[in-house]
């Protein structure tokens, strides 16, 4: 599901105009990004926690020249930890092998 389909689904369920649900999604993403950038975590009970993690610099291998060692710089990365409600909801869905394809939504 992409952003447009999410906005459509929210519009159907809430009765709000699609444009308004799309704006709400944009605002939610903006707030999460701002809070993560300021070092805060964002927890949505039953869904999960968004957090920013610091990854230290390290030595790596140049994939184009495996004999060459390169310095990989330190970076802050986004991380998501699923909450109990989300995990439980997914446990109720029958497991599929990676070879099985999911039928596209109509």
N, C-alpha and C. Protein backbone atom coordinates (compact mmCIF):
# COMPACT_ATOMS: atom_id res chain seq x y z
N UNK A 1 0.84 -1.17 0.00
CA UNK A 1 0.00 0.00 0.00
C UNK A 1 0.90 1.24 0.00
N UNK A 2 0.57 2.17 -0.86
CA UNK A 2 1.33 3.41 -0.91
C UNK A 2 0.53 4.53 -0.21
N UNK A 3 1.11 5.72 -0.21
CA UNK A 3 0.49 6.84 0.49
C UNK A 3 -0.90 7.17 -0.06
N UNK A 4 -1.06 7.16 -1.37
CA UNK A 4 -2.35 7.49 -1.99
C UNK A 4 -3.42 6.49 -1.57
N UNK A 5 -3.09 5.19 -1.58
CA UNK A 5 -4.07 4.17 -1.18
C UNK A 5 -4.39 4.27 0.31
N UNK A 6 -3.38 4.61 1.12
CA UNK A 6 -3.61 4.81 2.55
C UNK A 6 -4.56 5.98 2.77
N UNK A 7 -4.34 7.07 2.06
CA UNK A 7 -5.23 8.24 2.17
C UNK A 7 -6.65 7.88 1.74
N UNK A 8 -6.79 7.11 0.67
CA UNK A 8 -8.12 6.67 0.22
C UNK A 8 -8.81 5.82 1.28
N UNK A 9 -8.08 4.88 1.87
CA UNK A 9 -8.64 4.00 2.89
C UNK A 9 -9.07 4.79 4.12
N UNK A 10 -8.22 5.73 4.54
CA UNK A 10 -8.58 6.56 5.70
C UNK A 10 -9.80 7.43 5.39
N UNK A 11 -9.88 7.94 4.18
CA UNK A 11 -11.03 8.77 3.79
C UNK A 11 -12.32 7.95 3.84
N UNK A 12 -12.26 6.71 3.35
CA UNK A 12 -13.44 5.85 3.38
C UNK A 12 -13.88 5.54 4.81
N UNK A 13 -12.90 5.26 5.68
CA UNK A 13 -13.23 4.85 7.05
C UNK A 13 -13.66 6.02 7.94
N UNK A 14 -13.14 7.22 7.67
CA UNK A 14 -13.45 8.36 8.54
C UNK A 14 -14.53 9.27 7.98
N UNK A 15 -14.76 9.19 6.68
CA UNK A 15 -15.72 10.10 6.06
C UNK A 15 -15.13 11.46 5.76
N UNK A 16 -13.84 11.64 6.03
CA UNK A 16 -13.16 12.90 5.71
C UNK A 16 -12.80 12.93 4.23
N UNK A 17 -12.63 14.12 3.66
CA UNK A 17 -12.19 14.20 2.27
C UNK A 17 -10.78 13.61 2.11
N UNK A 18 -10.52 13.02 0.95
CA UNK A 18 -9.22 12.40 0.68
C UNK A 18 -8.08 13.39 0.85
N UNK A 19 -8.26 14.61 0.38
CA UNK A 19 -7.21 15.62 0.49
C UNK A 19 -6.85 15.87 1.95
N UNK A 20 -7.85 15.88 2.81
CA UNK A 20 -7.62 16.12 4.23
C UNK A 20 -6.87 14.94 4.87
N UNK A 21 -7.22 13.71 4.50
CA UNK A 21 -6.51 12.55 5.06
C UNK A 21 -5.07 12.52 4.58
N UNK A 22 -4.84 12.95 3.34
CA UNK A 22 -3.47 13.02 2.82
C UNK A 22 -2.65 14.06 3.60
N UNK A 23 -3.28 15.18 3.94
CA UNK A 23 -2.60 16.21 4.73
C UNK A 23 -2.29 15.69 6.13
N UNK A 24 -3.20 14.92 6.71
CA UNK A 24 -2.96 14.34 8.03
C UNK A 24 -1.77 13.37 7.99
N UNK A 25 -1.68 12.57 6.94
CA UNK A 25 -0.55 11.64 6.79
C UNK A 25 0.75 12.44 6.69
N UNK A 26 0.74 13.50 5.87
CA UNK A 26 1.93 14.35 5.72
C UNK A 26 2.34 14.96 7.06
N UNK A 27 1.37 15.46 7.81
CA UNK A 27 1.67 16.07 9.11
C UNK A 27 2.23 15.04 10.08
N UNK A 28 1.68 13.84 10.07
CA UNK A 28 2.17 12.79 10.96
C UNK A 28 3.62 12.45 10.64
N UNK A 29 3.92 12.30 9.36
CA UNK A 29 5.29 11.99 8.93
C UNK A 29 6.23 13.13 9.33
N UNK A 30 5.79 14.39 9.14
CA UNK A 30 6.61 15.54 9.51
C UNK A 30 6.92 15.55 11.01
N UNK A 31 5.91 15.29 11.83
CA UNK A 31 6.10 15.29 13.28
C UNK A 31 7.08 14.18 13.68
N UNK A 32 6.92 13.00 13.12
CA UNK A 32 7.82 11.88 13.44
C UNK A 32 9.25 12.25 13.04
N UNK A 33 9.44 12.81 11.86
CA UNK A 33 10.78 13.20 11.41
C UNK A 33 11.39 14.25 12.32
N UNK A 34 10.60 15.26 12.71
CA UNK A 34 11.11 16.31 13.60
C UNK A 34 11.54 15.75 14.94
N UNK A 35 10.72 14.89 15.51
CA UNK A 35 11.04 14.32 16.83
C UNK A 35 12.27 13.42 16.75
N UNK A 36 12.40 12.62 15.70
CA UNK A 36 13.57 11.77 15.55
C UNK A 36 14.83 12.61 15.37
N UNK A 37 14.72 13.69 14.59
CA UNK A 37 15.87 14.57 14.35
C UNK A 37 16.32 15.25 15.64
N UNK A 38 15.38 15.48 16.57
CA UNK A 38 15.74 16.12 17.84
C UNK A 38 16.16 15.09 18.90
N UNK A 39 16.21 13.81 18.51
CA UNK A 39 16.69 12.77 19.42
C UNK A 39 15.61 12.10 20.24
N UNK A 40 14.35 12.44 19.99
CA UNK A 40 13.25 11.83 20.74
C UNK A 40 12.76 10.57 20.05
N UNK A 41 12.08 9.73 20.83
CA UNK A 41 11.41 8.56 20.28
C UNK A 41 9.93 8.89 20.09
N UNK A 42 9.29 8.23 19.14
CA UNK A 42 7.85 8.40 18.93
C UNK A 42 7.22 7.02 19.10
N UNK A 43 6.36 6.90 20.12
CA UNK A 43 5.71 5.62 20.41
C UNK A 43 4.22 5.74 20.14
N UNK A 44 3.71 4.83 19.35
CA UNK A 44 2.28 4.72 19.10
C UNK A 44 1.86 3.41 19.75
N UNK A 45 1.13 3.52 20.86
CA UNK A 45 0.76 2.35 21.66
C UNK A 45 0.07 1.30 20.78
N UNK A 46 0.53 0.06 20.91
CA UNK A 46 -0.04 -1.04 20.16
C UNK A 46 0.49 -1.19 18.76
N UNK A 47 1.20 -0.16 18.28
CA UNK A 47 1.73 -0.21 16.92
C UNK A 47 3.25 -0.37 16.93
N UNK A 48 3.94 0.55 17.60
CA UNK A 48 5.38 0.44 17.67
C UNK A 48 6.06 1.75 18.03
N UNK A 49 7.39 1.71 18.00
CA UNK A 49 8.21 2.86 18.37
C UNK A 49 9.20 3.18 17.26
N UNK A 50 9.20 4.46 16.87
CA UNK A 50 10.18 4.97 15.93
C UNK A 50 11.31 5.58 16.76
N UNK A 51 12.56 5.32 16.39
CA UNK A 51 13.69 5.89 17.12
C UNK A 51 14.85 6.15 16.16
N UNK A 52 15.77 7.01 16.59
CA UNK A 52 16.98 7.29 15.82
C UNK A 52 18.13 6.62 16.54
N UNK A 53 18.94 5.87 15.81
CA UNK A 53 20.09 5.18 16.38
C UNK A 53 21.37 5.69 15.72
N UNK A 54 22.40 5.86 16.52
CA UNK A 54 23.70 6.30 16.02
C UNK A 54 24.52 5.07 15.63
N UNK A 55 25.04 5.06 14.42
CA UNK A 55 25.92 3.98 13.97
C UNK A 55 27.32 4.56 13.84
N UNK A 56 28.27 4.03 14.59
CA UNK A 56 29.65 4.53 14.60
C UNK A 56 30.33 4.33 13.26
N UNK A 57 31.37 5.11 13.03
CA UNK A 57 32.16 4.92 11.81
C UNK A 57 32.88 3.58 11.91
N UNK A 58 33.18 3.01 10.76
CA UNK A 58 33.85 1.70 10.75
C UNK A 58 34.59 1.52 9.44
N UNK A 59 35.45 0.52 9.43
CA UNK A 59 36.18 0.19 8.21
C UNK A 59 35.35 -0.81 7.41
N UNK A 60 35.38 -0.64 6.10
CA UNK A 60 34.65 -1.54 5.22
C UNK A 60 35.51 -1.89 4.02
N UNK A 61 34.93 -2.62 3.09
CA UNK A 61 35.63 -3.05 1.88
C UNK A 61 34.97 -2.39 0.68
N UNK A 62 35.77 -1.85 -0.22
CA UNK A 62 35.26 -1.26 -1.46
C UNK A 62 34.73 -2.40 -2.33
N UNK A 63 33.45 -2.43 -2.65
CA UNK A 63 32.91 -3.55 -3.44
C UNK A 63 33.46 -3.60 -4.86
N UNK A 64 33.94 -2.46 -5.38
CA UNK A 64 34.51 -2.46 -6.72
C UNK A 64 35.95 -2.93 -6.73
N UNK A 65 36.60 -2.85 -5.57
CA UNK A 65 37.99 -3.28 -5.44
C UNK A 65 38.13 -3.93 -4.05
N UNK A 66 37.85 -5.23 -3.93
CA UNK A 66 37.82 -5.89 -2.62
C UNK A 66 39.11 -5.82 -1.81
N UNK A 67 40.21 -5.50 -2.43
CA UNK A 67 41.46 -5.41 -1.67
C UNK A 67 41.61 -4.05 -1.00
N UNK A 68 40.78 -3.08 -1.40
CA UNK A 68 40.87 -1.73 -0.85
C UNK A 68 39.94 -1.58 0.36
N UNK A 69 40.49 -1.10 1.48
CA UNK A 69 39.70 -0.83 2.68
C UNK A 69 39.26 0.63 2.64
N UNK A 70 38.01 0.88 3.03
CA UNK A 70 37.51 2.25 3.04
C UNK A 70 36.91 2.58 4.41
N UNK A 71 36.91 3.87 4.75
CA UNK A 71 36.31 4.32 6.00
C UNK A 71 34.84 4.64 5.74
N UNK A 72 33.95 4.00 6.47
CA UNK A 72 32.52 4.28 6.37
C UNK A 72 32.19 5.25 7.49
N UNK A 73 31.64 6.43 7.16
CA UNK A 73 31.42 7.46 8.19
C UNK A 73 30.29 7.10 9.16
N UNK A 74 30.33 7.74 10.32
CA UNK A 74 29.26 7.58 11.31
C UNK A 74 27.98 8.19 10.74
N UNK A 75 26.85 7.63 11.15
CA UNK A 75 25.57 8.10 10.63
C UNK A 75 24.47 7.82 11.65
N UNK A 76 23.43 8.63 11.65
CA UNK A 76 22.25 8.38 12.46
C UNK A 76 21.20 7.77 11.54
N UNK A 77 20.65 6.63 11.96
CA UNK A 77 19.69 5.90 11.12
C UNK A 77 18.34 5.80 11.82
N UNK A 78 17.25 5.74 11.04
CA UNK A 78 15.94 5.52 11.66
C UNK A 78 15.75 4.04 11.96
N UNK A 79 15.03 3.76 13.04
CA UNK A 79 14.76 2.38 13.42
C UNK A 79 13.31 2.30 13.90
N UNK A 80 12.68 1.17 13.64
CA UNK A 80 11.30 0.94 14.09
C UNK A 80 11.24 -0.38 14.84
N UNK A 81 10.63 -0.34 16.01
CA UNK A 81 10.43 -1.56 16.80
C UNK A 81 8.93 -1.79 16.89
N UNK A 82 8.48 -2.92 16.36
CA UNK A 82 7.05 -3.24 16.35
C UNK A 82 6.53 -3.45 17.76
N UNK A 83 5.33 -2.95 18.02
CA UNK A 83 4.68 -3.12 19.31
C UNK A 83 3.93 -4.43 19.39
N UNK A 84 3.46 -4.76 20.58
CA UNK A 84 2.77 -6.02 20.81
C UNK A 84 1.52 -6.17 19.96
N UNK A 85 0.73 -5.11 19.82
CA UNK A 85 -0.50 -5.18 19.03
C UNK A 85 -0.23 -5.52 17.58
N UNK A 86 0.80 -4.91 17.00
CA UNK A 86 1.17 -5.18 15.60
C UNK A 86 1.69 -6.60 15.46
N UNK A 87 2.54 -7.02 16.39
CA UNK A 87 3.07 -8.39 16.34
C UNK A 87 1.94 -9.42 16.44
N UNK A 88 1.02 -9.18 17.37
CA UNK A 88 -0.10 -10.12 17.54
C UNK A 88 -0.99 -10.17 16.30
N UNK A 89 -1.22 -9.01 15.68
CA UNK A 89 -2.04 -8.98 14.46
C UNK A 89 -1.39 -9.77 13.34
N UNK A 90 -0.07 -9.70 13.24
CA UNK A 90 0.63 -10.43 12.18
C UNK A 90 0.73 -11.92 12.48
N UNK A 91 0.75 -12.28 13.75
CA UNK A 91 0.77 -13.70 14.11
C UNK A 91 -0.51 -14.40 13.69
N UNK A 92 -1.60 -13.65 13.63
CA UNK A 92 -2.89 -14.22 13.26
C UNK A 92 -2.98 -14.52 11.76
N UNK A 93 -2.07 -13.96 10.97
CA UNK A 93 -2.06 -14.17 9.53
C UNK A 93 -1.24 -15.41 9.22
N UNK A 94 -1.75 -16.33 8.38
CA UNK A 94 -0.97 -17.52 8.04
C UNK A 94 0.36 -17.15 7.39
N UNK A 95 1.42 -17.85 7.78
CA UNK A 95 2.75 -17.58 7.25
C UNK A 95 2.82 -18.00 5.79
N UNK A 96 3.59 -17.25 5.01
CA UNK A 96 3.79 -17.57 3.58
C UNK A 96 5.28 -17.71 3.31
N UNK A 97 5.60 -18.56 2.37
CA UNK A 97 7.00 -18.70 1.98
C UNK A 97 7.37 -17.51 1.09
N UNK A 98 8.65 -17.16 1.00
CA UNK A 98 9.06 -16.03 0.15
C UNK A 98 8.69 -16.21 -1.32
N UNK A 99 8.53 -17.45 -1.77
CA UNK A 99 8.20 -17.71 -3.17
C UNK A 99 6.75 -17.39 -3.49
N UNK A 100 5.89 -17.43 -2.46
CA UNK A 100 4.47 -17.15 -2.70
C UNK A 100 4.30 -15.66 -2.94
N UNK A 101 3.47 -15.33 -3.91
CA UNK A 101 3.22 -13.93 -4.19
C UNK A 101 1.91 -13.52 -3.55
N UNK A 102 1.85 -12.26 -3.16
CA UNK A 102 0.63 -11.73 -2.58
C UNK A 102 -0.22 -11.18 -3.71
N UNK A 103 -1.48 -11.54 -3.72
CA UNK A 103 -2.39 -11.08 -4.77
C UNK A 103 -2.51 -9.56 -4.69
N UNK A 104 -2.42 -8.87 -5.83
CA UNK A 104 -2.54 -7.41 -5.81
C UNK A 104 -3.95 -6.99 -5.39
N UNK A 105 -4.01 -5.82 -4.73
CA UNK A 105 -5.31 -5.31 -4.28
C UNK A 105 -6.11 -4.82 -5.47
N UNK A 106 -7.40 -4.98 -5.39
CA UNK A 106 -8.27 -4.56 -6.50
C UNK A 106 -8.48 -3.07 -6.48
